[in-house]
C-alpha atoms as a PDB file:
ATOM      1  CA  MET A   1     -47.016  42.120  83.437  1.00  0.00           C
ATOM      2  CA  SER A   2     -45.559  38.574  83.567  1.00  0.00           C
ATOM      3  CA  ALA A   3     -44.543  36.314  80.686  1.00  0.00           C
ATOM      4  CA  THR A   4     -46.969  33.819  79.493  1.00  0.00           C
ATOM      5  CA  PRO A   5     -45.820  29.955  79.390  1.00  0.00           C
ATOM      6  CA  ILE A   6     -45.881  30.208  75.668  1.00  0.00           C
ATOM      7  CA  SER A   7     -43.780  33.394  75.425  1.00  0.00           C
ATOM      8  CA  THR A   8     -41.402  32.077  77.806  1.00  0.00           C
ATOM      9  CA  LEU A   9     -40.864  28.795  75.846  1.00  0.00           C
ATOM     10  CA  GLN A  10     -40.837  30.666  72.517  1.00  0.00           C
ATOM     11  CA  HIS A  11     -37.996  32.813  74.008  1.00  0.00           C
ATOM     12  CA  LEU A  12     -36.218  29.710  75.006  1.00  0.00           C
ATOM     13  CA  ALA A  13     -36.657  28.077  71.537  1.00  0.00           C
ATOM     14  CA  GLN A  14     -35.090  31.393  70.056  1.00  0.00           C
ATOM     15  CA  ILE A  15     -32.283  30.981  72.621  1.00  0.00           C
ATOM     16  CA  SER A  16     -31.779  27.408  71.404  1.00  0.00           C
ATOM     17  CA  ARG A  17     -31.846  28.520  67.723  1.00  0.00           C
ATOM     18  CA  ASP A  18     -29.237  31.276  68.337  1.00  0.00           C
ATOM     19  CA  GLY A  19     -27.127  28.667  70.032  1.00  0.00           C
ATOM     20  CA  ARG A  20     -27.569  26.040  67.130  1.00  0.00           C
ATOM     21  CA  ASN A  21     -26.529  28.763  64.557  1.00  0.00           C
ATOM     22  CA  GLY A  22     -23.820  30.121  66.706  1.00  0.00           C
ATOM     23  CA  PHE A  23     -22.162  26.872  67.203  1.00  0.00           C
ATOM     24  CA  LEU A  24     -22.371  26.019  63.465  1.00  0.00           C
ATOM     25  CA  GLU A  25     -20.721  29.380  62.725  1.00  0.00           C
ATOM     26  CA  ALA A  26     -17.979  28.440  65.266  1.00  0.00           C
ATOM     27  CA  ALA A  27     -17.440  25.083  63.637  1.00  0.00           C
ATOM     28  CA  GLN A  28     -16.913  26.725  60.308  1.00  0.00           C
ATOM     29  CA  ALA A  29     -14.392  29.226  61.707  1.00  0.00           C
ATOM     30  CA  VAL A  30     -11.999  26.964  63.477  1.00  0.00           C
ATOM     31  CA  LYS A  31      -9.376  24.632  61.893  1.00  0.00           C
ATOM     32  CA  ASP A  32      -9.153  22.006  64.470  1.00  0.00           C
ATOM     33  CA  PRO A  33     -11.238  18.883  63.503  1.00  0.00           C
ATOM     34  CA  ASN A  34     -11.922  17.966  67.272  1.00  0.00           C
ATOM     35  CA  LEU A  35     -13.151  21.444  67.924  1.00  0.00           C
ATOM     36  CA  GLN A  36     -15.455  21.596  64.842  1.00  0.00           C
ATOM     37  CA  ASN A  37     -16.842  18.251  65.927  1.00  0.00           C
ATOM     38  CA  THR A  38     -17.377  19.583  69.547  1.00  0.00           C
ATOM     39  CA  PHE A  39     -19.109  22.610  68.064  1.00  0.00           C
ATOM     40  CA  ARG A  40     -21.322  20.674  65.581  1.00  0.00           C
ATOM     41  CA  LYS A  41     -22.239  18.372  68.633  1.00  0.00           C
ATOM     42  CA  ALA A  42     -23.395  21.209  70.659  1.00  0.00           C
ATOM     43  CA  SER A  43     -25.321  22.713  67.620  1.00  0.00           C
ATOM     44  CA  ALA A  44     -27.101  19.342  67.466  1.00  0.00           C
ATOM     45  CA  ARG A  45     -27.998  19.397  71.063  1.00  0.00           C
ATOM     46  CA  CYS A  46     -29.405  22.985  70.864  1.00  0.00           C
ATOM     47  CA  GLU A  47     -31.363  21.966  67.757  1.00  0.00           C
ATOM     48  CA  ALA A  48     -32.919  18.945  69.566  1.00  0.00           C
ATOM     49  CA  GLY A  49     -33.831  21.295  72.535  1.00  0.00           C
ATOM     50  CA  GLU A  50     -35.193  23.769  70.021  1.00  0.00           C
ATOM     51  CA  LYS A  51     -37.452  20.991  68.520  1.00  0.00           C
ATOM     52  CA  GLU A  52     -38.577  19.752  71.901  1.00  0.00           C
ATOM     53  CA  LEU A  53     -39.570  23.310  73.037  1.00  0.00           C
ATOM     54  CA  GLU A  54     -41.434  23.871  69.637  1.00  0.00           C
ATOM     55  CA  ARG A  55     -43.514  20.814  70.373  1.00  0.00           C
ATOM     56  CA  GLU A  56     -44.518  22.069  73.819  1.00  0.00           C
ATOM     57  CA  ILE A  57     -45.256  25.409  72.339  1.00  0.00           C
ATOM     58  CA  THR A  58     -47.656  23.862  69.685  1.00  0.00           C
ATOM     59  CA  LYS A  59     -49.073  21.581  72.256  1.00  0.00           C
ATOM     60  CA  LEU A  60     -49.948  24.768  74.397  1.00  0.00           C
ATOM     61  CA  GLY A  61     -51.505  26.241  71.475  1.00  0.00           C
ATOM     62  CA  GLY A  62     -48.736  28.728  70.399  1.00  0.00           C
ATOM     63  CA  SER A  63     -46.826  29.275  67.116  1.00  0.00           C
ATOM     64  CA  THR A  64     -43.275  28.795  66.249  1.00  0.00           C
ATOM     65  CA  THR A  65     -40.836  30.762  64.192  1.00  0.00           C
ATOM     66  CA  ASP A  66     -37.544  29.805  62.230  1.00  0.00           C
ATOM     67  CA  SER A  67     -35.808  33.005  62.974  1.00  0.00           C
ATOM     68  CA  GLY A  68     -33.405  33.646  65.831  1.00  0.00           C
ATOM     69  CA  SER A  69     -33.446  36.653  68.271  1.00  0.00           C
ATOM     70  CA  VAL A  70     -31.899  39.897  67.181  1.00  0.00           C
ATOM     71  CA  ALA A  71     -29.104  39.403  69.926  1.00  0.00           C
ATOM     72  CA  GLY A  72     -28.502  35.950  68.256  1.00  0.00           C
ATOM     73  CA  ALA A  73     -27.966  37.559  64.986  1.00  0.00           C
ATOM     74  CA  VAL A  74     -25.509  39.980  66.449  1.00  0.00           C
ATOM     75  CA  HIS A  75     -23.860  37.194  68.390  1.00  0.00           C
ATOM     76  CA  ARG A  76     -23.416  35.289  65.134  1.00  0.00           C
ATOM     77  CA  ALA A  77     -22.209  38.257  63.394  1.00  0.00           C
ATOM     78  CA  TRP A  78     -19.745  38.880  66.190  1.00  0.00           C
ATOM     79  CA  ILE A  79     -18.232  35.481  65.680  1.00  0.00           C
ATOM     80  CA  ASP A  80     -17.712  36.168  62.254  1.00  0.00           C
ATOM     81  CA  LEU A  81     -16.044  39.354  62.897  1.00  0.00           C
ATOM     82  CA  LYS A  82     -13.851  37.859  65.548  1.00  0.00           C
ATOM     83  CA  SER A  83     -13.054  35.049  63.319  1.00  0.00           C
ATOM     84  CA  ALA A  84     -11.913  37.406  60.514  1.00  0.00           C
ATOM     85  CA  VAL A  85     -10.111  39.765  62.469  1.00  0.00           C
ATOM     86  CA  THR A  86      -8.092  36.868  64.551  1.00  0.00           C
ATOM     87  CA  GLY A  87      -7.764  34.444  61.834  1.00  0.00           C
ATOM     88  CA  GLY A  88      -9.770  31.854  63.378  1.00  0.00           C
ATOM     89  CA  ASP A  89      -8.322  32.171  66.643  1.00  0.00           C
ATOM     90  CA  GLU A  90      -9.921  29.158  68.658  1.00  0.00           C
ATOM     91  CA  LYS A  91      -9.473  30.796  72.181  1.00  0.00           C
ATOM     92  CA  ALA A  92     -11.289  34.092  70.976  1.00  0.00           C
ATOM     93  CA  ILE A  93     -14.049  31.955  69.314  1.00  0.00           C
ATOM     94  CA  LEU A  94     -14.542  29.752  72.503  1.00  0.00           C
ATOM     95  CA  GLU A  95     -14.687  32.894  74.550  1.00  0.00           C
ATOM     96  CA  GLU A  96     -17.530  34.235  72.406  1.00  0.00           C
ATOM     97  CA  CYS A  97     -19.231  30.854  72.396  1.00  0.00           C
ATOM     98  CA  GLU A  98     -18.943  30.830  76.404  1.00  0.00           C
ATOM     99  CA  ARG A  99     -20.624  34.355  76.268  1.00  0.00           C
ATOM    100  CA  GLY A 100     -23.534  33.019  74.182  1.00  0.00           C
ATOM    101  CA  GLU A 101     -23.904  30.107  76.500  1.00  0.00           C
ATOM    102  CA  ASP A 102     -23.874  32.507  79.590  1.00  0.00           C
ATOM    103  CA  VAL A 103     -26.930  34.214  77.923  1.00  0.00           C
ATOM    104  CA  ALA A 104     -28.702  30.916  77.532  1.00  0.00           C
ATOM    105  CA  LYS A 105     -28.093  30.164  81.178  1.00  0.00           C
ATOM    106  CA  ALA A 106     -29.463  33.430  82.305  1.00  0.00           C
ATOM    107  CA  ALA A 107     -32.626  32.804  80.118  1.00  0.00           C
ATOM    108  CA  TYR A 108     -33.187  29.584  81.473  1.00  0.00           C
ATOM    109  CA  GLU A 109     -32.705  30.536  85.090  1.00  0.00           C
ATOM    110  CA  LYS A 110     -35.268  33.317  84.532  1.00  0.00           C
ATOM    111  CA  ALA A 111     -37.732  30.731  82.955  1.00  0.00           C
ATOM    112  CA  LEU A 112     -37.264  28.652  86.019  1.00  0.00           C
ATOM    113  CA  LYS A 113     -38.627  31.481  88.279  1.00  0.00           C
ATOM    114  CA  ALA A 114     -41.617  31.809  85.977  1.00  0.00           C
ATOM    115  CA  GLU A 115     -45.047  30.558  86.817  1.00  0.00           C
ATOM    116  CA  LEU A 116     -45.039  27.601  84.691  1.00  0.00           C
ATOM    117  CA  ALA A 117     -47.085  24.131  84.784  1.00  0.00           C
ATOM    118  CA  PRO A 118     -45.336  21.322  86.588  1.00  0.00           C
ATOM    119  CA  GLU A 119     -44.643  19.519  83.051  1.00  0.00           C
ATOM    120  CA  VAL A 120     -43.194  22.645  81.573  1.00  0.00           C
ATOM    121  CA  ILE A 121     -40.897  23.319  84.380  1.00  0.00           C
ATOM    122  CA  ALA A 122     -39.588  19.745  84.141  1.00  0.00           C
ATOM    123  CA  LEU A 123     -38.935  20.319  80.375  1.00  0.00           C
ATOM    124  CA  VAL A 124     -37.005  23.611  81.218  1.00  0.00           C
ATOM    125  CA  GLN A 125     -35.232  22.046  83.964  1.00  0.00           C
ATOM    126  CA  LYS A 126     -34.033  19.152  81.703  1.00  0.00           C
ATOM    127  CA  GLN A 127     -33.050  21.734  78.958  1.00  0.00           C
ATOM    128  CA  TYR A 128     -31.221  23.860  81.518  1.00  0.00           C
ATOM    129  CA  ALA A 129     -28.989  20.866  82.574  1.00  0.00           C
ATOM    130  CA  GLY A 130     -28.077  20.678  78.760  1.00  0.00           C
ATOM    131  CA  VAL A 131     -27.491  24.381  78.679  1.00  0.00           C
ATOM    132  CA  LEU A 132     -25.060  23.802  81.917  1.00  0.00           C
ATOM    133  CA  GLU A 133     -23.319  20.750  80.020  1.00  0.00           C
ATOM    134  CA  ASN A 134     -22.644  22.962  76.825  1.00  0.00           C
ATOM    135  CA  HIS A 135     -21.359  25.809  78.931  1.00  0.00           C
ATOM    136  CA  ASP A 136     -19.053  23.784  81.157  1.00  0.00           C
ATOM    137  CA  LEU A 137     -17.521  21.946  77.938  1.00  0.00           C
ATOM    138  CA  ILE A 138     -16.932  25.365  76.130  1.00  0.00           C
ATOM    139  CA  LYS A 139     -15.253  26.788  79.497  1.00  0.00           C
ATOM    140  CA  ARG A 140     -13.112  23.702  79.834  1.00  0.00           C
ATOM    141  CA  LEU A 141     -12.056  23.920  76.217  1.00  0.00           C
ATOM    142  CA  ARG A 142     -11.577  27.832  76.630  1.00  0.00           C
ATOM    143  CA  ASP A 143      -9.515  27.277  79.814  1.00  0.00           C
ATOM    144  CA  THR A 144      -7.139  24.861  77.983  1.00  0.00           C
ATOM    145  CA  ALA A 145      -6.968  26.978  74.715  1.00  0.00           C
ATOM    146  CA  HIS A 146      -3.635  28.783  73.798  1.00  0.00           C
END
């Protein structure tokens, strides 16, 4: 059975919520003010995407939720654990954030293969571009971290 447009968008909203929360956790775990700012901006982009998806879900007659996915909760807990164990090692935190963005990329790529209305596909493509931007930024930062 294939996913419905509403369930596809609900899943992407959960992924965005997880990203928002994960980036906020990362911002709190690092000491570098520039990196904190980068994580906060990435969180804000995820939140904007989440709100945009929720508007489309509501427009299609679906309901939204404020909770993240179970995988997201595990992801946030892992950042907490890694932060505690490594003493806020920025490279380790960046690696975990990149892993989270890999999950988001895969979810959007799957959504782009779903049978969705043209306006929904356009929204998903626009958001996917934002996910790629976040991912590539985090990857560049990780590559240069010590």
